[in-house]
């Protein structure tokens, strides 16, 4: 989700930079072409992963890359709305669509039309389904504008005000997610009343139960993917993380090896994510949690080094970012 959130920030930054430079049609086409490219790339990922194992749904499934393609289009149209409208739409999607999704799940077996809607919204094998995660696009567009406007002013006071506002709202989301989880009727999902029908695509609970050591005896709702508490908590965590990184980069440290490394990973993030996700299923249910985290970090570092060699000797040719730049109408320089 951090990847989706940060890439949404980048899209808003690009749209802000292009404001006032006609024609509008070119801006729209650039964003939509990027979105369609990510959607096709998401389909390609699904075909690579699932066709070998007999996946029979035409490659449809809400993986992170496919969702990112739809997010590009949603962000473009949300960018045209005033902020309060984005807040209302984002909160409405977040609060009401989980109920709609569950109603569709229990009604789809008796109605072909509802089954098709559920198939599109959730998909047979969702990682980041359209609803309620589309709310991320509206929240990201709001906070990215605050940060962008502070960067344009190049005023330390304005930057600090923007950072304080971002952190304040981020902690508000965090606390709202925790409070909602604690006040829910079933705040702790244990093996006694864990209902796989209500949470048909959540692997967190069985993964925890299959560990050599039981790290926690229950599953708080803020760890249940797709629930309102989970998204509120996660959005808050993402906003606080981005706010802190913005504070360190703009106020404390402008240039360092760490931030240069982060910028490199950011530039080639799509290529790294695509390659990582193709081989990541090899680790599922194979390692305990601590070893999985350590190996995943090492895996990402090795991928980054391989991309560095690719950049050095092939001059970006063949990377997904290179394909995007060549396929758009004109090259957009990232901030």
Protein backbone atom coordinates (compact mmCIF):
# COMPACT_ATOMS: atom_id res chain seq x y z
CA UNK A 1 0.00 0.00 0.00
CA UNK A 2 2.94 2.34 0.61
CA UNK A 3 3.94 1.79 -3.03
CA UNK A 4 0.44 2.66 -4.30
CA UNK A 5 0.24 5.68 -2.00
CA UNK A 6 3.66 7.04 -2.98
CA UNK A 7 3.01 6.47 -6.70
CA UNK A 8 -0.27 8.33 -6.32
CA UNK A 9 1.74 11.21 -4.85
CA UNK A 10 3.99 11.19 -7.91
CA UNK A 11 1.00 11.33 -10.27
CA UNK A 12 -0.41 14.36 -8.44
CA UNK A 13 3.01 16.05 -8.54
CA UNK A 14 3.13 15.52 -12.30
CA UNK A 15 -0.39 16.94 -12.76
CA UNK A 16 0.47 19.93 -10.57
CA UNK A 17 3.58 20.64 -12.67
CA UNK A 18 1.53 20.55 -15.89
CA UNK A 19 -1.19 22.89 -14.63
CA UNK A 20 -1.57 25.91 -16.88
CA UNK A 21 0.30 24.34 -19.79
CA UNK A 22 -2.16 23.59 -22.62
CA UNK A 23 -3.61 21.54 -24.08
CA UNK A 24 -5.55 19.64 -21.43
CA UNK A 25 -6.07 16.67 -23.76
CA UNK A 26 -2.34 15.87 -23.75
CA UNK A 27 -2.23 15.74 -19.94
CA UNK A 28 -5.25 13.49 -19.82
CA UNK A 29 -3.87 11.14 -22.47
CA UNK A 30 -0.51 10.85 -20.69
CA UNK A 31 -2.12 9.75 -17.43
CA UNK A 32 -4.63 7.40 -19.11
CA UNK A 33 -1.91 5.78 -21.26
CA UNK A 34 0.18 5.16 -18.15
CA UNK A 35 -2.86 3.68 -16.44
CA UNK A 36 -3.71 1.40 -19.36
CA UNK A 37 -0.09 0.27 -19.57
CA UNK A 38 -0.14 -0.72 -15.88
CA UNK A 39 -3.44 -2.56 -16.37
CA UNK A 40 -1.95 -4.59 -19.24
CA UNK A 41 1.14 -5.24 -17.12
CA UNK A 42 -1.11 -6.44 -14.30
CA UNK A 43 -2.81 -8.86 -16.68
CA UNK A 44 0.59 -10.09 -17.83
CA UNK A 45 1.59 -10.72 -14.21
CA UNK A 46 -1.61 -12.71 -13.60
CA UNK A 47 -1.06 -14.81 -16.70
CA UNK A 48 2.54 -15.57 -15.74
CA UNK A 49 1.58 -16.57 -12.19
CA UNK A 50 -1.75 -18.34 -12.71
CA UNK A 51 -1.94 -19.88 -16.18
CA UNK A 52 0.66 -22.48 -15.23
CA UNK A 53 -1.51 -23.58 -12.29
CA UNK A 54 -4.71 -23.76 -14.33
CA UNK A 55 -6.14 -20.35 -13.50
CA UNK A 56 -9.33 -20.21 -15.57
CA UNK A 57 -10.54 -16.62 -15.12
CA UNK A 58 -8.80 -14.99 -18.04
CA UNK A 59 -5.99 -13.59 -15.93
CA UNK A 60 -8.31 -11.28 -14.01
CA UNK A 61 -7.19 -10.55 -10.47
CA UNK A 62 -6.58 -7.38 -8.45
CA UNK A 63 -2.82 -7.45 -7.99
CA UNK A 64 -0.97 -4.28 -7.01
CA UNK A 65 0.09 -3.39 -10.58
CA UNK A 66 -3.41 -3.79 -12.04
CA UNK A 67 -4.83 -1.69 -9.21
CA UNK A 68 -2.16 0.96 -9.84
CA UNK A 69 -3.39 1.29 -13.43
CA UNK A 70 -6.95 2.00 -12.32
CA UNK A 71 -5.58 4.29 -9.60
CA UNK A 72 -3.89 6.50 -12.23
CA UNK A 73 -7.24 7.12 -13.91
CA UNK A 74 -9.10 7.66 -10.62
CA UNK A 75 -6.45 10.15 -9.44
CA UNK A 76 -6.69 12.15 -12.66
CA UNK A 77 -10.43 12.72 -12.26
CA UNK A 78 -10.21 13.24 -8.49
CA UNK A 79 -7.57 15.92 -9.12
CA UNK A 80 -10.27 18.03 -10.77
CA UNK A 81 -12.40 18.01 -7.60
CA UNK A 82 -12.08 20.41 -4.70
CA UNK A 83 -10.57 18.96 -1.53
CA UNK A 84 -13.71 18.65 0.56
CA UNK A 85 -15.37 16.68 -2.25
CA UNK A 86 -12.41 14.28 -2.31
CA UNK A 87 -12.68 13.84 1.47
CA UNK A 88 -16.40 13.04 1.22
CA UNK A 89 -15.94 10.58 -1.66
CA UNK A 90 -12.92 8.92 -0.04
CA UNK A 91 -14.66 8.44 3.31
CA UNK A 92 -17.86 7.25 1.61
CA UNK A 93 -15.95 4.58 -0.34
CA UNK A 94 -14.07 3.57 2.79
CA UNK A 95 -17.07 3.34 5.13
CA UNK A 96 -19.81 1.94 2.89
CA UNK A 97 -18.22 -0.23 0.21
CA UNK A 98 -16.99 -3.00 2.61
CA UNK A 99 -20.65 -3.60 3.48
CA UNK A 100 -21.54 -3.64 -0.23
CA UNK A 101 -18.71 -6.06 -0.93
CA UNK A 102 -19.91 -8.51 1.72
CA UNK A 103 -23.52 -8.25 0.54
CA UNK A 104 -22.36 -9.06 -2.98
CA UNK A 105 -20.35 -12.02 -1.67
CA UNK A 106 -23.37 -13.61 0.00
CA UNK A 107 -25.80 -12.78 -2.86
CA UNK A 108 -23.68 -13.59 -5.91
CA UNK A 109 -24.49 -17.31 -5.99
CA UNK A 110 -28.16 -16.62 -6.75
CA UNK A 111 -27.73 -13.84 -9.30
CA UNK A 112 -25.52 -13.84 -12.40
CA UNK A 113 -25.48 -10.03 -12.61
CA UNK A 114 -24.33 -9.68 -8.98
CA UNK A 115 -21.78 -12.41 -9.58
CA UNK A 116 -20.29 -10.41 -12.47
CA UNK A 117 -20.15 -7.24 -10.35
CA UNK A 118 -18.44 -9.12 -7.53
CA UNK A 119 -16.06 -10.72 -10.05
CA UNK A 120 -14.99 -7.24 -11.24
CA UNK A 121 -14.84 -5.49 -7.84
CA UNK A 122 -13.15 -8.26 -5.84
CA UNK A 123 -11.91 -10.81 -8.44
CA UNK A 124 -11.16 -14.50 -7.82
CA UNK A 125 -7.73 -13.82 -6.32
CA UNK A 126 -7.56 -10.24 -5.03
CA UNK A 127 -4.53 -8.63 -3.46
CA UNK A 128 -5.68 -5.02 -3.60
CA UNK A 129 -9.30 -5.02 -4.81
CA UNK A 130 -10.98 -1.93 -6.22
CA UNK A 131 -13.32 -1.42 -3.27
CA UNK A 132 -12.63 -0.09 -0.69
CA UNK A 133 -9.00 0.55 -1.71
CA UNK A 134 -10.03 3.17 -4.29
CA UNK A 135 -10.38 5.52 -1.29
CA UNK A 136 -6.55 5.58 -1.14
CA UNK A 137 -6.48 7.59 -4.37
CA UNK A 138 -8.64 10.38 -2.93
CA UNK A 139 -6.70 10.57 0.34
CA UNK A 140 -3.35 10.55 -1.47
CA UNK A 141 -4.42 13.37 -3.79
CA UNK A 142 -5.20 15.62 -0.81
CA UNK A 143 -1.95 15.19 1.11
CA UNK A 144 0.23 15.21 -1.99
CA UNK A 145 -1.17 18.64 -2.86
CA UNK A 146 -0.25 19.95 0.60
CA UNK A 147 3.32 18.72 0.24
CA UNK A 148 3.67 19.88 -3.36
CA UNK A 149 2.49 23.41 -2.58
CA UNK A 150 5.01 23.64 0.27
CA UNK A 151 7.82 22.43 -2.03
CA UNK A 152 6.93 25.02 -4.69
CA UNK A 153 7.04 27.88 -2.16
CA UNK A 154 10.55 26.77 -1.08
CA UNK A 155 9.87 28.35 2.29
CA UNK A 156 10.96 26.50 5.42
CA UNK A 157 8.08 27.90 7.43
CA UNK A 158 5.54 26.74 4.84
CA UNK A 159 7.23 23.33 4.68
CA UNK A 160 7.07 22.93 8.46
CA UNK A 161 3.39 23.93 8.50
CA UNK A 162 2.67 21.40 5.75
CA UNK A 163 4.59 18.67 7.61
CA UNK A 164 2.75 19.41 10.88
CA UNK A 165 -0.61 19.28 9.09
CA UNK A 166 0.31 16.02 7.36
CA UNK A 167 1.50 14.37 10.58
CA UNK A 168 -1.53 15.61 12.52
CA UNK A 169 -3.95 14.11 10.02
CA UNK A 170 -1.88 10.93 9.80
CA UNK A 171 -2.05 10.36 13.56
CA UNK A 172 -5.79 11.10 13.43
CA UNK A 173 -6.23 8.28 10.89
CA UNK A 174 -4.07 5.98 13.04
CA UNK A 175 -6.09 6.64 16.18
CA UNK A 176 -9.39 6.30 14.29
CA UNK A 177 -8.34 2.87 13.00
CA UNK A 178 -7.29 1.69 16.45
CA UNK A 179 -10.45 3.08 18.09
CA UNK A 180 -12.70 1.45 15.48
CA UNK A 181 -10.93 -1.86 15.95
CA UNK A 182 -11.35 -1.72 19.74
CA UNK A 183 -15.01 -0.72 19.63
CA UNK A 184 -16.05 -3.29 17.04
CA UNK A 185 -18.25 -6.19 18.11
CA UNK A 186 -15.47 -8.66 17.27
CA UNK A 187 -12.24 -6.68 17.69
CA UNK A 188 -10.13 -9.82 18.07
CA UNK A 189 -10.50 -12.45 15.38
CA UNK A 190 -9.48 -15.77 16.94
CA UNK A 191 -9.65 -19.30 15.60
CA UNK A 192 -12.90 -19.77 17.54
CA UNK A 193 -14.93 -17.40 15.39
CA UNK A 194 -12.70 -16.70 12.40
CA UNK A 195 -15.10 -16.80 9.46
CA UNK A 196 -13.39 -17.41 6.09
CA UNK A 197 -16.64 -16.55 4.32
CA UNK A 198 -16.55 -13.02 5.75
CA UNK A 199 -12.85 -12.67 4.97
CA UNK A 200 -12.46 -14.92 1.90
CA UNK A 201 -9.07 -13.62 0.78
CA UNK A 202 -7.15 -13.06 4.01
CA UNK A 203 -4.15 -15.28 4.68
CA UNK A 204 -2.83 -13.50 7.77
CA UNK A 205 -4.62 -15.67 10.33
CA UNK A 206 -3.70 -19.13 8.90
CA UNK A 207 -0.12 -17.92 8.32
CA UNK A 208 0.20 -16.90 11.97
CA UNK A 209 -1.34 -20.16 13.13
CA UNK A 210 1.16 -22.22 11.10
CA UNK A 211 4.25 -20.64 12.68
CA UNK A 212 6.58 -22.57 14.98
CA UNK A 213 5.98 -19.95 17.65
CA UNK A 214 2.64 -18.24 18.20
CA UNK A 215 3.55 -14.57 18.07
CA UNK A 216 0.09 -13.28 19.00
CA UNK A 217 -2.88 -15.42 20.07
CA UNK A 218 -5.43 -13.31 18.18
CA UNK A 219 -5.89 -11.21 15.05
CA UNK A 220 -6.79 -7.53 15.65
CA UNK A 221 -9.11 -6.07 13.04
CA UNK A 222 -6.47 -3.50 12.04
CA UNK A 223 -4.53 -6.45 10.55
CA UNK A 224 -7.49 -7.79 8.57
CA UNK A 225 -6.99 -6.62 4.99
CA UNK A 226 -9.97 -4.82 3.47
CA UNK A 227 -11.70 -3.82 6.73
CA UNK A 228 -12.41 -0.17 7.54
CA UNK A 229 -10.19 -0.25 10.64
CA UNK A 230 -7.32 -1.74 8.63
CA UNK A 231 -7.48 0.92 5.91
CA UNK A 232 -7.81 3.81 8.38
CA UNK A 233 -4.83 2.52 10.35
CA UNK A 234 -2.76 1.83 7.25
CA UNK A 235 -3.53 5.19 5.61
CA UNK A 236 -2.56 6.92 8.86
CA UNK A 237 0.69 4.94 9.00
CA UNK A 238 1.46 5.80 5.36
CA UNK A 239 0.76 9.52 5.86
CA UNK A 240 2.94 9.66 8.98
CA UNK A 241 5.75 7.78 7.19
CA UNK A 242 5.66 10.08 4.15
CA UNK A 243 5.43 13.15 6.41
CA UNK A 244 8.50 12.05 8.39
CA UNK A 245 10.46 11.28 5.22
CA UNK A 246 9.48 14.69 3.81
CA UNK A 247 10.63 16.34 7.07
CA UNK A 248 13.99 14.55 7.02
CA UNK A 249 14.63 15.22 3.34
CA UNK A 250 13.56 18.89 3.27
CA UNK A 251 14.40 20.15 6.76
CA UNK A 252 17.16 17.92 8.13
CA UNK A 253 19.06 16.21 5.33
CA UNK A 254 18.79 17.22 1.69
CA UNK A 255 21.46 14.91 0.29
CA UNK A 256 22.67 11.61 1.69
CA UNK A 257 23.50 8.13 0.45
CA UNK A 258 20.34 6.76 2.05
CA UNK A 259 18.05 9.20 0.25
CA UNK A 260 19.95 8.78 -3.01
CA UNK A 261 19.33 5.05 -2.65
CA UNK A 262 15.63 5.64 -1.95
CA UNK A 263 15.40 7.86 -5.04
CA UNK A 264 17.01 5.10 -7.13
CA UNK A 265 14.50 2.53 -5.87
CA UNK A 266 11.72 5.04 -6.50
CA UNK A 267 12.80 5.59 -10.09
CA UNK A 268 12.80 1.87 -10.90
CA UNK A 269 10.05 0.88 -8.48
CA UNK A 270 7.69 -0.60 -11.09
CA UNK A 271 10.37 -2.86 -12.58
CA UNK A 272 11.51 -4.00 -9.12
CA UNK A 273 7.93 -4.62 -7.96
CA UNK A 274 7.09 -6.59 -11.10
CA UNK A 275 10.14 -8.86 -10.84
CA UNK A 276 9.75 -9.21 -7.08
CA UNK A 277 6.09 -10.23 -7.30
CA UNK A 278 6.78 -12.88 -9.93
CA UNK A 279 9.15 -14.77 -7.61
CA UNK A 280 7.63 -13.81 -4.25
CA UNK A 281 5.04 -16.67 -4.29
CA UNK A 282 7.99 -19.07 -3.95
CA UNK A 283 8.35 -17.86 -0.35
CA UNK A 284 4.68 -18.21 0.68
CA UNK A 285 4.21 -20.73 3.51
CA UNK A 286 7.87 -21.74 3.12
CA UNK A 287 9.52 -19.64 5.85
CA UNK A 288 8.63 -18.42 9.31
CA UNK A 289 7.77 -14.75 9.66
CA UNK A 290 11.14 -13.45 10.92
CA UNK A 291 13.14 -15.35 8.29
CA UNK A 292 10.68 -14.29 5.59
CA UNK A 293 11.20 -10.60 6.46
CA UNK A 294 15.01 -10.92 6.43
CA UNK A 295 15.10 -12.84 3.14
CA UNK A 296 12.61 -10.43 1.54
CA UNK A 297 14.82 -7.44 2.46
CA UNK A 298 17.90 -9.23 1.08
CA UNK A 299 15.92 -10.16 -2.04
CA UNK A 300 14.96 -6.50 -2.66
CA UNK A 301 18.58 -5.35 -2.14
CA UNK A 302 19.81 -7.90 -4.69
CA UNK A 303 17.12 -6.81 -7.16
CA UNK A 304 18.15 -3.19 -6.68
CA UNK A 305 21.79 -4.04 -7.41
CA UNK A 306 20.81 -5.97 -10.54
CA UNK A 307 18.73 -3.00 -11.72
CA UNK A 308 21.73 -0.74 -11.01
CA UNK A 309 23.89 -2.92 -13.30
CA UNK A 310 21.09 -2.89 -15.87
CA UNK A 311 21.00 0.92 -15.73
CA UNK A 312 24.79 1.20 -15.93
CA UNK A 313 25.40 -1.10 -18.89
CA UNK A 314 22.08 -1.01 -20.78
CA UNK A 315 21.17 2.64 -20.12
CA UNK A 316 17.66 1.77 -18.83
CA UNK A 317 16.66 0.04 -22.06
CA UNK A 318 14.04 -2.63 -21.46
CA UNK A 319 13.00 -1.48 -17.99
CA UNK A 320 9.31 -0.80 -17.46
CA UNK A 321 10.08 2.86 -16.74
CA UNK A 322 11.93 3.13 -20.08
CA UNK A 323 8.94 1.60 -21.89
CA UNK A 324 6.57 4.08 -20.20
CA UNK A 325 8.74 7.05 -21.19
CA UNK A 326 8.94 5.88 -24.79
CA UNK A 327 5.22 5.16 -25.06
CA UNK A 328 3.96 8.50 -23.70
CA UNK A 329 3.62 11.60 -25.85
CA UNK A 330 6.52 13.35 -24.17
CA UNK A 331 8.91 12.46 -21.38
CA UNK A 332 7.85 13.73 -17.96
CA UNK A 333 10.71 14.57 -15.64
CA UNK A 334 10.09 13.26 -12.14
CA UNK A 335 10.50 15.58 -9.19
